[in-house]
Amino acid sequence: MTLTIVLWFILSIVCDVVGQLCLKLGADKLPDGGNWREMATALGRSGWALAGIATYVAEFFIWLRILAEVPLSIAFPIASLNFLAITFASAVFLGERVGSRQWLGACFITCGVVIVAGTV
């Protein structure tokens, strides 16, 4: 795997983390029990939600670039590193409590990624 592809993967994972954090911050501002229209209006007015959507649009194009270079059977498992990254970011930036079982599961996923990536 070339350095360029590794950098594309890193950028993809960073976009996943940033997108999820933005969407979470936007979702926290949604009205409770609102109907579809109220929810859509609130989302459209939420800078965080819009930033999350924009980040995912950018990530879509990054992912296409990766898929043009790497087989899906390799790319998708590597992209699952976002499980560990998002778990870490939610603990650090959102102050969410992450239990030992969650960390263990995220680490098992990461070990699987290392095994898959090692087959390249």
N, C-alpha and C. Protein backbone atom coordinates (compact mmCIF):
# COMPACT_ATOMS: atom_id res chain seq x y z
N MET A 1 0.85 -1.17 0.00
CA MET A 1 0.00 0.00 0.00
C MET A 1 0.90 1.23 0.00
N THR A 2 0.59 2.17 -0.89
CA THR A 2 1.44 3.36 -1.01
C THR A 2 1.13 4.37 0.10
N LEU A 3 2.06 5.28 0.29
CA LEU A 3 1.89 6.33 1.28
C LEU A 3 0.66 7.18 0.95
N THR A 4 0.43 7.42 -0.33
CA THR A 4 -0.73 8.21 -0.75
C THR A 4 -2.03 7.54 -0.31
N ILE A 5 -2.13 6.24 -0.49
CA ILE A 5 -3.35 5.52 -0.08
C ILE A 5 -3.50 5.56 1.44
N VAL A 6 -2.41 5.39 2.15
CA VAL A 6 -2.47 5.47 3.62
C VAL A 6 -2.99 6.84 4.05
N LEU A 7 -2.52 7.89 3.40
CA LEU A 7 -2.97 9.25 3.73
C LEU A 7 -4.46 9.42 3.39
N TRP A 8 -4.93 8.82 2.29
CA TRP A 8 -6.35 8.88 1.95
C TRP A 8 -7.17 8.19 3.04
N PHE A 9 -6.68 7.03 3.53
CA PHE A 9 -7.38 6.33 4.60
C PHE A 9 -7.43 7.18 5.88
N ILE A 10 -6.32 7.79 6.21
CA ILE A 10 -6.29 8.65 7.41
C ILE A 10 -7.28 9.79 7.27
N LEU A 11 -7.30 10.42 6.11
CA LEU A 11 -8.24 11.52 5.87
C LEU A 11 -9.68 11.04 5.94
N SER A 12 -9.94 9.85 5.43
CA SER A 12 -11.29 9.28 5.48
C SER A 12 -11.72 9.05 6.93
N ILE A 13 -10.83 8.50 7.72
CA ILE A 13 -11.16 8.22 9.12
C ILE A 13 -11.34 9.52 9.90
N VAL A 14 -10.50 10.51 9.62
CA VAL A 14 -10.66 11.82 10.28
C VAL A 14 -12.01 12.42 9.91
N CYS A 15 -12.40 12.32 8.64
CA CYS A 15 -13.72 12.82 8.23
C CYS A 15 -14.84 12.08 8.95
N ASP A 16 -14.71 10.77 9.10
CA ASP A 16 -15.72 10.00 9.85
C ASP A 16 -15.84 10.50 11.28
N VAL A 17 -14.71 10.71 11.93
CA VAL A 17 -14.71 11.16 13.32
C VAL A 17 -15.33 12.55 13.43
N VAL A 18 -14.86 13.48 12.61
CA VAL A 18 -15.38 14.85 12.65
C VAL A 18 -16.87 14.86 12.31
N GLY A 19 -17.25 14.10 11.29
CA GLY A 19 -18.66 14.05 10.90
C GLY A 19 -19.54 13.53 12.02
N GLN A 20 -19.11 12.46 12.67
CA GLN A 20 -19.90 11.90 13.78
C GLN A 20 -19.99 12.87 14.95
N LEU A 21 -18.89 13.52 15.29
CA LEU A 21 -18.91 14.48 16.40
C LEU A 21 -19.85 15.64 16.08
N CYS A 22 -19.77 16.16 14.86
CA CYS A 22 -20.66 17.26 14.46
C CYS A 22 -22.12 16.83 14.48
N LEU A 23 -22.41 15.66 13.94
CA LEU A 23 -23.79 15.19 13.93
C LEU A 23 -24.32 14.97 15.35
N LYS A 24 -23.49 14.46 16.24
CA LYS A 24 -23.90 14.26 17.63
C LYS A 24 -24.22 15.60 18.29
N LEU A 25 -23.35 16.59 18.08
CA LEU A 25 -23.59 17.91 18.66
C LEU A 25 -24.85 18.54 18.08
N GLY A 26 -25.10 18.32 16.79
CA GLY A 26 -26.32 18.82 16.18
C GLY A 26 -27.55 18.08 16.68
N ALA A 27 -27.45 16.78 16.83
CA ALA A 27 -28.58 15.97 17.29
C ALA A 27 -28.97 16.33 18.72
N ASP A 28 -28.00 16.70 19.52
CA ASP A 28 -28.30 17.08 20.91
C ASP A 28 -29.19 18.31 20.99
N LYS A 29 -29.25 19.09 19.92
CA LYS A 29 -30.05 20.32 19.91
C LYS A 29 -31.43 20.13 19.30
N LEU A 30 -31.74 18.91 18.87
CA LEU A 30 -33.04 18.66 18.25
C LEU A 30 -34.16 18.72 19.28
N PRO A 31 -35.34 19.17 18.84
CA PRO A 31 -36.48 19.21 19.79
C PRO A 31 -36.91 17.80 20.15
N ASP A 32 -37.32 17.62 21.40
CA ASP A 32 -37.82 16.33 21.86
C ASP A 32 -39.20 16.05 21.29
N GLY A 33 -39.38 14.87 20.75
CA GLY A 33 -40.69 14.44 20.30
C GLY A 33 -41.30 15.25 19.17
N GLY A 34 -40.49 15.99 18.46
CA GLY A 34 -41.01 16.79 17.36
C GLY A 34 -41.40 15.94 16.17
N ASN A 35 -42.23 16.49 15.31
CA ASN A 35 -42.59 15.76 14.10
C ASN A 35 -41.48 15.92 13.06
N TRP A 36 -41.66 15.29 11.95
CA TRP A 36 -40.64 15.28 10.88
C TRP A 36 -40.29 16.69 10.46
N ARG A 37 -41.29 17.52 10.26
CA ARG A 37 -41.05 18.89 9.77
C ARG A 37 -40.25 19.71 10.78
N GLU A 38 -40.61 19.61 12.05
CA GLU A 38 -39.86 20.34 13.09
C GLU A 38 -38.42 19.86 13.16
N MET A 39 -38.25 18.55 13.04
CA MET A 39 -36.91 17.98 13.09
C MET A 39 -36.07 18.45 11.89
N ALA A 40 -36.65 18.43 10.70
CA ALA A 40 -35.93 18.86 9.50
C ALA A 40 -35.57 20.34 9.58
N THR A 41 -36.48 21.14 10.10
CA THR A 41 -36.21 22.57 10.26
C THR A 41 -35.07 22.80 11.25
N ALA A 42 -35.12 22.09 12.37
CA ALA A 42 -34.06 22.23 13.37
C ALA A 42 -32.72 21.79 12.82
N LEU A 43 -32.71 20.69 12.04
CA LEU A 43 -31.46 20.23 11.44
C LEU A 43 -30.91 21.26 10.45
N GLY A 44 -31.81 21.84 9.66
CA GLY A 44 -31.39 22.84 8.68
C GLY A 44 -30.83 24.10 9.31
N ARG A 45 -31.20 24.36 10.55
CA ARG A 45 -30.71 25.54 11.26
C ARG A 45 -29.50 25.24 12.14
N SER A 46 -29.16 23.98 12.23
CA SER A 46 -28.05 23.58 13.11
C SER A 46 -26.73 23.62 12.35
N GLY A 47 -25.87 24.51 12.77
CA GLY A 47 -24.54 24.58 12.16
C GLY A 47 -23.77 23.28 12.32
N TRP A 48 -23.93 22.63 13.48
CA TRP A 48 -23.22 21.37 13.72
C TRP A 48 -23.70 20.28 12.78
N ALA A 49 -25.00 20.15 12.62
CA ALA A 49 -25.54 19.13 11.73
C ALA A 49 -25.12 19.39 10.29
N LEU A 50 -25.18 20.64 9.86
CA LEU A 50 -24.76 20.98 8.50
C LEU A 50 -23.28 20.72 8.29
N ALA A 51 -22.47 21.00 9.31
CA ALA A 51 -21.03 20.70 9.22
C ALA A 51 -20.81 19.20 9.12
N GLY A 52 -21.58 18.42 9.86
CA GLY A 52 -21.47 16.96 9.78
C GLY A 52 -21.83 16.44 8.40
N ILE A 53 -22.91 16.98 7.83
CA ILE A 53 -23.31 16.57 6.48
C ILE A 53 -22.25 16.95 5.47
N ALA A 54 -21.72 18.17 5.56
CA ALA A 54 -20.67 18.62 4.63
C ALA A 54 -19.42 17.74 4.75
N THR A 55 -19.10 17.35 5.96
CA THR A 55 -17.94 16.48 6.17
C THR A 55 -18.17 15.13 5.50
N TYR A 56 -19.38 14.61 5.59
CA TYR A 56 -19.67 13.33 4.95
C TYR A 56 -19.70 13.43 3.43
N VAL A 57 -20.06 14.57 2.90
CA VAL A 57 -19.98 14.77 1.44
C VAL A 57 -18.52 14.70 1.01
N ALA A 58 -17.65 15.40 1.74
CA ALA A 58 -16.22 15.35 1.42
C ALA A 58 -15.69 13.92 1.57
N GLU A 59 -16.11 13.22 2.62
CA GLU A 59 -15.65 11.86 2.86
C GLU A 59 -16.10 10.91 1.75
N PHE A 60 -17.26 11.17 1.18
CA PHE A 60 -17.77 10.37 0.07
C PHE A 60 -16.79 10.37 -1.10
N PHE A 61 -16.27 11.55 -1.44
CA PHE A 61 -15.32 11.66 -2.54
C PHE A 61 -13.97 11.04 -2.19
N ILE A 62 -13.56 11.17 -0.95
CA ILE A 62 -12.33 10.53 -0.49
C ILE A 62 -12.47 9.01 -0.59
N TRP A 63 -13.61 8.51 -0.17
CA TRP A 63 -13.86 7.06 -0.21
C TRP A 63 -13.84 6.55 -1.66
N LEU A 64 -14.42 7.31 -2.57
CA LEU A 64 -14.36 6.93 -3.99
C LEU A 64 -12.92 6.84 -4.48
N ARG A 65 -12.09 7.78 -4.06
CA ARG A 65 -10.67 7.76 -4.44
C ARG A 65 -10.00 6.48 -3.91
N ILE A 66 -10.31 6.14 -2.68
CA ILE A 66 -9.74 4.92 -2.08
C ILE A 66 -10.20 3.70 -2.86
N LEU A 67 -11.50 3.62 -3.15
CA LEU A 67 -12.03 2.45 -3.86
C LEU A 67 -11.48 2.31 -5.27
N ALA A 68 -11.05 3.41 -5.85
CA ALA A 68 -10.45 3.34 -7.19
C ALA A 68 -9.08 2.66 -7.13
N GLU A 69 -8.47 2.62 -5.95
CA GLU A 69 -7.11 2.10 -5.81
C GLU A 69 -7.01 0.79 -5.03
N VAL A 70 -7.98 0.53 -4.15
CA VAL A 70 -7.87 -0.59 -3.21
C VAL A 70 -9.10 -1.49 -3.35
N PRO A 71 -8.92 -2.81 -3.35
CA PRO A 71 -10.09 -3.70 -3.38
C PRO A 71 -11.01 -3.45 -2.17
N LEU A 72 -12.30 -3.52 -2.40
CA LEU A 72 -13.28 -3.29 -1.34
C LEU A 72 -13.06 -4.23 -0.16
N SER A 73 -12.66 -5.47 -0.44
CA SER A 73 -12.45 -6.45 0.62
C SER A 73 -11.31 -6.07 1.55
N ILE A 74 -10.45 -5.18 1.11
CA ILE A 74 -9.36 -4.66 1.94
C ILE A 74 -9.75 -3.29 2.51
N ALA A 75 -10.32 -2.43 1.67
CA ALA A 75 -10.62 -1.05 2.06
C ALA A 75 -11.63 -0.98 3.20
N PHE A 76 -12.70 -1.77 3.10
CA PHE A 76 -13.75 -1.66 4.11
C PHE A 76 -13.28 -2.05 5.51
N PRO A 77 -12.56 -3.16 5.65
CA PRO A 77 -12.06 -3.47 7.00
C PRO A 77 -11.11 -2.40 7.55
N ILE A 78 -10.27 -1.84 6.69
CA ILE A 78 -9.35 -0.80 7.16
C ILE A 78 -10.13 0.43 7.60
N ALA A 79 -11.16 0.76 6.85
CA ALA A 79 -11.99 1.92 7.20
C ALA A 79 -12.69 1.74 8.54
N SER A 80 -12.82 0.50 8.98
CA SER A 80 -13.48 0.27 10.27
C SER A 80 -12.61 0.72 11.45
N LEU A 81 -11.42 1.20 11.17
CA LEU A 81 -10.63 1.83 12.24
C LEU A 81 -11.39 3.00 12.85
N ASN A 82 -12.39 3.50 12.11
CA ASN A 82 -13.18 4.60 12.66
C ASN A 82 -13.89 4.20 13.96
N PHE A 83 -14.14 2.89 14.17
CA PHE A 83 -14.76 2.45 15.43
C PHE A 83 -13.89 2.87 16.62
N LEU A 84 -12.61 2.61 16.53
CA LEU A 84 -11.69 2.97 17.61
C LEU A 84 -11.54 4.49 17.69
N ALA A 85 -11.41 5.13 16.55
CA ALA A 85 -11.21 6.58 16.53
C ALA A 85 -12.43 7.33 17.07
N ILE A 86 -13.62 6.90 16.69
CA ILE A 86 -14.84 7.57 17.16
C ILE A 86 -15.06 7.30 18.64
N THR A 87 -14.77 6.10 19.09
CA THR A 87 -14.88 5.79 20.51
C THR A 87 -13.95 6.70 21.31
N PHE A 88 -12.71 6.82 20.86
CA PHE A 88 -11.73 7.68 21.52
C PHE A 88 -12.19 9.14 21.51
N ALA A 89 -12.62 9.63 20.34
CA ALA A 89 -13.04 11.03 20.21
C ALA A 89 -14.27 11.34 21.06
N SER A 90 -15.20 10.39 21.14
CA SER A 90 -16.39 10.64 21.96
C SER A 90 -16.03 10.76 23.43
N ALA A 91 -15.04 10.00 23.85
CA ALA A 91 -14.59 10.09 25.24
C ALA A 91 -13.85 11.40 25.49
N VAL A 92 -12.96 11.77 24.58
CA VAL A 92 -12.12 12.96 24.77
C VAL A 92 -12.90 14.26 24.55
N PHE A 93 -13.61 14.35 23.43
CA PHE A 93 -14.23 15.62 23.06
C PHE A 93 -15.65 15.80 23.58
N LEU A 94 -16.36 14.71 23.77
CA LEU A 94 -17.74 14.82 24.24
C LEU A 94 -17.88 14.45 25.71
N GLY A 95 -16.81 13.92 26.29
CA GLY A 95 -16.85 13.54 27.70
C GLY A 95 -17.72 12.33 27.97
N GLU A 96 -17.97 11.52 26.94
CA GLU A 96 -18.78 10.32 27.14
C GLU A 96 -17.98 9.27 27.90
N ARG A 97 -18.68 8.56 28.75
CA ARG A 97 -18.04 7.47 29.48
C ARG A 97 -17.99 6.26 28.57
N VAL A 98 -16.80 5.72 28.41
CA VAL A 98 -16.61 4.53 27.58
C VAL A 98 -16.14 3.41 28.49
N GLY A 99 -16.94 2.36 28.57
CA GLY A 99 -16.64 1.25 29.46
C GLY A 99 -15.55 0.35 28.91
N SER A 100 -15.05 -0.51 29.78
CA SER A 100 -13.95 -1.40 29.38
C SER A 100 -14.38 -2.37 28.28
N ARG A 101 -15.63 -2.80 28.29
CA ARG A 101 -16.10 -3.71 27.23
C ARG A 101 -16.12 -3.00 25.88
N GLN A 102 -16.50 -1.72 25.90
CA GLN A 102 -16.48 -0.95 24.65
C GLN A 102 -15.05 -0.82 24.12
N TRP A 103 -14.12 -0.50 25.01
CA TRP A 103 -12.72 -0.39 24.59
C TRP A 103 -12.20 -1.72 24.06
N LEU A 104 -12.55 -2.80 24.76
CA LEU A 104 -12.11 -4.12 24.34
C LEU A 104 -12.64 -4.45 22.95
N GLY A 105 -13.92 -4.19 22.72
CA GLY A 105 -14.51 -4.44 21.41
C GLY A 105 -13.86 -3.62 20.32
N ALA A 106 -13.62 -2.34 20.60
CA ALA A 106 -12.96 -1.48 19.61
C ALA A 106 -11.54 -1.97 19.33
N CYS A 107 -10.86 -2.45 20.36
CA CYS A 107 -9.50 -2.98 20.16
C CYS A 107 -9.51 -4.29 19.36
N PHE A 108 -10.50 -5.13 19.59
CA PHE A 108 -10.62 -6.35 18.79
C PHE A 108 -10.84 -6.02 17.31
N ILE A 109 -11.68 -5.03 17.06
CA ILE A 109 -11.89 -4.60 15.67
C ILE A 109 -10.58 -4.12 15.08
N THR A 110 -9.82 -3.36 15.84
CA THR A 110 -8.54 -2.83 15.36
C THR A 110 -7.56 -3.98 15.07
N CYS A 111 -7.55 -4.99 15.93
CA CYS A 111 -6.68 -6.16 15.66
C CYS A 111 -7.08 -6.84 14.37
N GLY A 112 -8.36 -6.96 14.13
CA GLY A 112 -8.83 -7.55 12.87
C GLY A 112 -8.39 -6.72 11.68
N VAL A 113 -8.41 -5.41 11.82
CA VAL A 113 -7.97 -4.51 10.74
C VAL A 113 -6.48 -4.75 10.44
N VAL A 114 -5.70 -4.88 11.49
CA VAL A 114 -4.26 -5.13 11.30
C VAL A 114 -4.05 -6.43 10.55
N ILE A 115 -4.80 -7.44 10.89
CA ILE A 115 -4.67 -8.74 10.21
C ILE A 115 -5.07 -8.61 8.73
N VAL A 116 -6.17 -7.95 8.47
CA VAL A 116 -6.62 -7.76 7.08
C VAL A 116 -5.62 -6.92 6.29
N ALA A 117 -5.17 -5.81 6.89
CA ALA A 117 -4.23 -4.93 6.19
C ALA A 117 -2.91 -5.65 5.92
N GLY A 118 -2.55 -6.57 6.77
CA GLY A 118 -1.30 -7.32 6.58
C GLY A 118 -1.35 -8.29 5.41
N THR A 119 -2.55 -8.53 4.86
CA THR A 119 -2.67 -9.42 3.72
C THR A 119 -2.40 -8.71 2.40
N VAL A 120 -2.24 -7.39 2.45
CA VAL A 120 -2.02 -6.61 1.22
C VAL A 120 -0.62 -6.82 0.71
